[in-house]
């Protein structure tokens, strides 16, 4: 899958990236609302969720190549993983955050 010397299989397409970002933001915002001890604030929840969503979905896509593409099952799987990893990343950042501020 080389096109002009670039590996296109490593670059998520725009639609998939948008799905990952939206699901990650939803997961990060949800965990911030539900678990007040892990709330970073609205903007930080969104950013941490988006970063976690993209990282988690990319790891899943790397581990399970069958979940690539724009079919219904891969999209649902990617959205679920992005939301869960966005929530997990938000919790992890909020747990580490107080130690970094000292």
N, C-alpha and C. Protein backbone atom coordinates (compact mmCIF):
# COMPACT_ATOMS: atom_id res chain seq x y z
N UNK A 1 0.81 -1.18 0.00
CA UNK A 1 0.00 0.00 0.00
C UNK A 1 0.86 1.25 0.00
N UNK A 2 1.76 1.33 -0.92
CA UNK A 2 2.62 2.50 -1.01
C UNK A 2 2.12 3.39 -2.14
N UNK A 3 2.06 4.66 -1.85
CA UNK A 3 1.63 5.63 -2.84
C UNK A 3 2.59 6.81 -2.75
N UNK A 4 3.41 6.93 -3.76
CA UNK A 4 4.41 8.00 -3.80
C UNK A 4 5.35 7.94 -2.58
N UNK A 5 5.70 6.73 -2.17
CA UNK A 5 6.64 6.56 -1.08
C UNK A 5 6.03 6.68 0.31
N UNK A 6 4.75 6.90 0.42
CA UNK A 6 4.10 7.03 1.72
C UNK A 6 3.34 5.76 2.04
N UNK A 7 3.33 5.39 3.31
CA UNK A 7 2.55 4.23 3.74
C UNK A 7 1.13 4.70 4.07
N UNK A 8 0.21 4.46 3.19
CA UNK A 8 -1.16 4.92 3.41
C UNK A 8 -1.92 4.05 4.39
N UNK A 9 -1.42 2.82 4.67
CA UNK A 9 -2.11 1.98 5.61
C UNK A 9 -1.92 2.44 7.06
N UNK A 10 -0.97 3.31 7.32
CA UNK A 10 -0.71 3.81 8.66
C UNK A 10 -1.49 5.09 8.96
N UNK A 11 -2.05 5.70 7.95
CA UNK A 11 -2.75 6.96 8.12
C UNK A 11 -4.26 6.71 8.13
N UNK A 12 -4.95 7.00 9.25
CA UNK A 12 -6.39 6.78 9.26
C UNK A 12 -7.08 7.78 8.34
N UNK A 13 -8.12 7.33 7.66
CA UNK A 13 -8.82 8.27 6.80
C UNK A 13 -9.62 9.26 7.65
N UNK A 14 -10.09 10.28 7.03
CA UNK A 14 -10.71 11.39 7.73
C UNK A 14 -11.97 10.97 8.49
N UNK A 15 -12.80 10.15 7.89
CA UNK A 15 -14.05 9.73 8.54
C UNK A 15 -13.74 8.92 9.79
N UNK A 16 -12.79 8.00 9.69
CA UNK A 16 -12.43 7.18 10.84
C UNK A 16 -11.86 8.06 11.96
N UNK A 17 -11.02 9.00 11.60
CA UNK A 17 -10.44 9.89 12.61
C UNK A 17 -11.53 10.72 13.30
N UNK A 18 -12.51 11.18 12.56
CA UNK A 18 -13.61 11.94 13.16
C UNK A 18 -14.41 11.07 14.12
N UNK A 19 -14.64 9.82 13.74
CA UNK A 19 -15.36 8.88 14.63
C UNK A 19 -14.58 8.69 15.92
N UNK A 20 -13.26 8.50 15.80
CA UNK A 20 -12.43 8.31 16.99
C UNK A 20 -12.46 9.53 17.88
N UNK A 21 -12.37 10.71 17.29
CA UNK A 21 -12.38 11.94 18.08
C UNK A 21 -13.71 12.15 18.80
N UNK A 22 -14.81 11.96 18.09
CA UNK A 22 -16.13 12.16 18.70
C UNK A 22 -16.37 11.15 19.82
N UNK A 23 -16.03 9.89 19.57
CA UNK A 23 -16.24 8.87 20.60
C UNK A 23 -15.33 9.11 21.79
N UNK A 24 -14.08 9.50 21.54
CA UNK A 24 -13.17 9.80 22.64
C UNK A 24 -13.62 10.99 23.47
N UNK A 25 -14.10 12.03 22.80
CA UNK A 25 -14.62 13.20 23.51
C UNK A 25 -15.83 12.81 24.35
N UNK A 26 -16.70 11.97 23.81
CA UNK A 26 -17.87 11.51 24.57
C UNK A 26 -17.44 10.72 25.80
N UNK A 27 -16.47 9.84 25.64
CA UNK A 27 -15.99 9.06 26.78
C UNK A 27 -15.31 9.91 27.83
N UNK A 28 -14.47 10.84 27.41
CA UNK A 28 -13.79 11.73 28.35
C UNK A 28 -14.76 12.64 29.09
N UNK A 29 -15.73 13.17 28.37
CA UNK A 29 -16.73 14.04 29.01
C UNK A 29 -17.63 13.26 29.96
N UNK A 30 -17.99 12.05 29.56
CA UNK A 30 -18.86 11.23 30.40
C UNK A 30 -18.18 10.87 31.71
N UNK A 31 -16.92 10.46 31.64
CA UNK A 31 -16.23 10.10 32.88
C UNK A 31 -16.01 11.32 33.76
N UNK A 32 -15.80 12.48 33.16
CA UNK A 32 -15.66 13.71 33.95
C UNK A 32 -16.95 14.08 34.65
N UNK A 33 -18.09 13.84 34.00
CA UNK A 33 -19.38 14.14 34.61
C UNK A 33 -19.77 13.11 35.67
N UNK A 34 -19.48 11.85 35.41
CA UNK A 34 -19.90 10.78 36.32
C UNK A 34 -19.00 10.64 37.54
N UNK A 35 -17.71 10.81 37.36
CA UNK A 35 -16.76 10.63 38.45
C UNK A 35 -16.13 11.99 38.79
N UNK A 36 -16.73 12.69 39.71
CA UNK A 36 -16.29 14.05 40.02
C UNK A 36 -14.86 14.08 40.54
N UNK A 37 -14.37 13.02 41.13
CA UNK A 37 -13.00 12.99 41.60
C UNK A 37 -11.99 12.95 40.45
N UNK A 38 -12.44 12.59 39.26
CA UNK A 38 -11.57 12.50 38.10
C UNK A 38 -11.89 13.58 37.07
N UNK A 39 -12.63 14.59 37.46
CA UNK A 39 -13.01 15.67 36.54
C UNK A 39 -11.84 16.63 36.37
N UNK A 40 -11.44 16.86 35.14
CA UNK A 40 -10.34 17.78 34.84
C UNK A 40 -10.85 19.18 34.47
N UNK A 41 -12.13 19.32 34.34
CA UNK A 41 -12.72 20.53 33.80
C UNK A 41 -13.19 20.25 32.38
N UNK A 42 -14.16 21.02 31.89
CA UNK A 42 -14.76 20.70 30.59
C UNK A 42 -13.77 20.62 29.44
N UNK A 43 -12.90 21.59 29.30
CA UNK A 43 -11.97 21.60 28.17
C UNK A 43 -10.94 20.48 28.27
N UNK A 44 -10.40 20.28 29.45
CA UNK A 44 -9.40 19.22 29.63
C UNK A 44 -10.00 17.84 29.47
N UNK A 45 -11.24 17.65 29.91
CA UNK A 45 -11.92 16.36 29.68
C UNK A 45 -12.04 16.08 28.19
N UNK A 46 -12.40 17.09 27.43
CA UNK A 46 -12.56 16.94 25.98
C UNK A 46 -11.23 16.60 25.33
N UNK A 47 -10.18 17.33 25.69
CA UNK A 47 -8.87 17.10 25.09
C UNK A 47 -8.33 15.72 25.46
N UNK A 48 -8.40 15.36 26.74
CA UNK A 48 -7.91 14.05 27.17
C UNK A 48 -8.73 12.93 26.53
N UNK A 49 -10.03 13.11 26.43
CA UNK A 49 -10.87 12.11 25.79
C UNK A 49 -10.54 11.93 24.31
N UNK A 50 -10.32 13.05 23.62
CA UNK A 50 -9.99 12.97 22.20
C UNK A 50 -8.65 12.28 21.98
N UNK A 51 -7.65 12.63 22.77
CA UNK A 51 -6.33 12.00 22.65
C UNK A 51 -6.43 10.51 22.97
N UNK A 52 -7.10 10.19 24.05
CA UNK A 52 -7.26 8.78 24.43
C UNK A 52 -8.05 7.99 23.41
N UNK A 53 -9.06 8.60 22.83
CA UNK A 53 -9.86 7.93 21.81
C UNK A 53 -9.06 7.57 20.58
N UNK A 54 -8.24 8.50 20.12
CA UNK A 54 -7.42 8.25 18.94
C UNK A 54 -6.34 7.20 19.24
N UNK A 55 -5.69 7.32 20.38
CA UNK A 55 -4.64 6.36 20.74
C UNK A 55 -5.22 4.96 20.90
N UNK A 56 -6.31 4.84 21.64
CA UNK A 56 -6.91 3.53 21.87
C UNK A 56 -7.42 2.87 20.60
N UNK A 57 -8.08 3.64 19.76
CA UNK A 57 -8.62 3.07 18.52
C UNK A 57 -7.49 2.68 17.57
N UNK A 58 -6.42 3.45 17.55
CA UNK A 58 -5.28 3.11 16.68
C UNK A 58 -4.59 1.84 17.17
N UNK A 59 -4.47 1.68 18.48
CA UNK A 59 -3.89 0.44 19.03
C UNK A 59 -4.78 -0.74 18.70
N UNK A 60 -6.09 -0.58 18.84
CA UNK A 60 -7.02 -1.65 18.50
C UNK A 60 -6.91 -2.01 17.02
N UNK A 61 -6.84 -1.02 16.17
CA UNK A 61 -6.73 -1.26 14.74
C UNK A 61 -5.43 -1.98 14.40
N UNK A 62 -4.37 -1.67 15.13
CA UNK A 62 -3.09 -2.33 14.91
C UNK A 62 -3.14 -3.79 15.36
N UNK A 63 -3.78 -4.04 16.52
CA UNK A 63 -3.85 -5.40 17.05
C UNK A 63 -4.84 -6.29 16.31
N UNK A 64 -5.93 -5.70 15.85
CA UNK A 64 -6.98 -6.45 15.15
C UNK A 64 -7.24 -5.81 13.79
N UNK A 65 -6.50 -6.19 12.76
CA UNK A 65 -6.67 -5.57 11.44
C UNK A 65 -8.07 -5.75 10.85
N UNK A 66 -8.83 -6.71 11.34
CA UNK A 66 -10.19 -6.92 10.83
C UNK A 66 -11.11 -5.75 11.19
N UNK A 67 -10.72 -4.95 12.17
CA UNK A 67 -11.55 -3.81 12.57
C UNK A 67 -11.20 -2.53 11.83
N UNK A 68 -10.58 -2.67 10.68
CA UNK A 68 -10.31 -1.51 9.83
C UNK A 68 -11.41 -1.39 8.80
N UNK A 69 -11.62 -0.20 8.32
CA UNK A 69 -12.57 0.00 7.25
C UNK A 69 -13.80 0.76 7.68
N UNK A 70 -14.68 0.96 6.71
CA UNK A 70 -15.89 1.74 6.95
C UNK A 70 -17.15 0.89 6.84
N UNK A 71 -17.09 -0.32 7.32
CA UNK A 71 -18.27 -1.16 7.39
C UNK A 71 -18.91 -0.95 8.76
N UNK A 72 -20.11 -1.46 8.97
CA UNK A 72 -20.84 -1.20 10.22
C UNK A 72 -20.11 -1.78 11.43
N UNK A 73 -19.69 -3.02 11.36
CA UNK A 73 -19.06 -3.67 12.51
C UNK A 73 -17.75 -2.99 12.90
N UNK A 74 -16.84 -2.71 11.95
CA UNK A 74 -15.62 -2.01 12.36
C UNK A 74 -15.88 -0.62 12.94
N UNK A 75 -16.83 0.09 12.40
CA UNK A 75 -17.11 1.44 12.90
C UNK A 75 -17.65 1.38 14.33
N UNK A 76 -18.57 0.46 14.59
CA UNK A 76 -19.12 0.33 15.95
C UNK A 76 -18.03 -0.10 16.92
N UNK A 77 -17.21 -1.06 16.52
CA UNK A 77 -16.10 -1.50 17.37
C UNK A 77 -15.12 -0.39 17.67
N UNK A 78 -14.78 0.38 16.65
CA UNK A 78 -13.86 1.49 16.84
C UNK A 78 -14.45 2.56 17.74
N UNK A 79 -15.73 2.84 17.58
CA UNK A 79 -16.38 3.86 18.41
C UNK A 79 -16.43 3.42 19.88
N UNK A 80 -16.73 2.16 20.12
CA UNK A 80 -16.78 1.66 21.50
C UNK A 80 -15.40 1.74 22.14
N UNK A 81 -14.39 1.28 21.43
CA UNK A 81 -13.03 1.31 21.96
C UNK A 81 -12.54 2.75 22.15
N UNK A 82 -12.87 3.64 21.22
CA UNK A 82 -12.44 5.03 21.35
C UNK A 82 -13.10 5.69 22.56
N UNK A 83 -14.37 5.41 22.79
CA UNK A 83 -15.05 5.98 23.96
C UNK A 83 -14.46 5.44 25.26
N UNK A 84 -14.21 4.14 25.29
CA UNK A 84 -13.65 3.53 26.50
C UNK A 84 -12.22 4.02 26.75
N UNK A 85 -11.42 4.10 25.70
CA UNK A 85 -10.05 4.55 25.90
C UNK A 85 -9.99 6.06 26.18
N UNK A 86 -10.93 6.83 25.64
CA UNK A 86 -11.01 8.25 25.99
C UNK A 86 -11.34 8.43 27.46
N UNK A 87 -12.25 7.62 27.97
CA UNK A 87 -12.58 7.67 29.39
C UNK A 87 -11.40 7.23 30.24
N UNK A 88 -10.75 6.14 29.84
CA UNK A 88 -9.61 5.63 30.60
C UNK A 88 -8.45 6.64 30.61
N UNK A 89 -8.19 7.28 29.49
CA UNK A 89 -7.11 8.26 29.42
C UNK A 89 -7.43 9.47 30.28
N UNK A 90 -8.67 9.89 30.32
CA UNK A 90 -9.08 11.01 31.16
C UNK A 90 -8.86 10.68 32.63
N UNK A 91 -9.24 9.47 33.03
CA UNK A 91 -9.03 9.04 34.42
C UNK A 91 -7.54 8.99 34.73
N UNK A 92 -6.75 8.44 33.81
CA UNK A 92 -5.30 8.33 34.04
C UNK A 92 -4.65 9.70 34.16
N UNK A 93 -5.03 10.63 33.30
CA UNK A 93 -4.46 11.98 33.36
C UNK A 93 -4.87 12.67 34.65
N UNK A 94 -6.11 12.51 35.07
CA UNK A 94 -6.54 13.16 36.30
C UNK A 94 -5.91 12.52 37.53
N UNK A 95 -5.57 11.24 37.46
CA UNK A 95 -4.91 10.58 38.60
C UNK A 95 -3.45 11.02 38.71
N UNK A 96 -2.80 11.26 37.59
CA UNK A 96 -1.40 11.66 37.58
C UNK A 96 -1.26 13.16 37.75
N UNK A 97 -2.26 13.91 37.37
CA UNK A 97 -2.21 15.37 37.39
C UNK A 97 -1.75 15.99 38.70
N UNK A 98 -2.28 15.58 39.85
CA UNK A 98 -1.86 16.23 41.11
C UNK A 98 -0.37 16.05 41.41
N UNK A 99 0.23 14.94 41.00
CA UNK A 99 1.65 14.71 41.24
C UNK A 99 2.50 15.64 40.39
N UNK A 100 2.04 15.96 39.21
CA UNK A 100 2.80 16.83 38.31
C UNK A 100 2.76 18.28 38.75
N UNK A 101 1.77 18.68 39.49
CA UNK A 101 1.60 20.08 39.88
C UNK A 101 2.52 20.47 41.04
N UNK A 102 3.12 19.54 41.72
CA UNK A 102 3.96 19.85 42.88
C UNK A 102 5.27 20.43 42.49
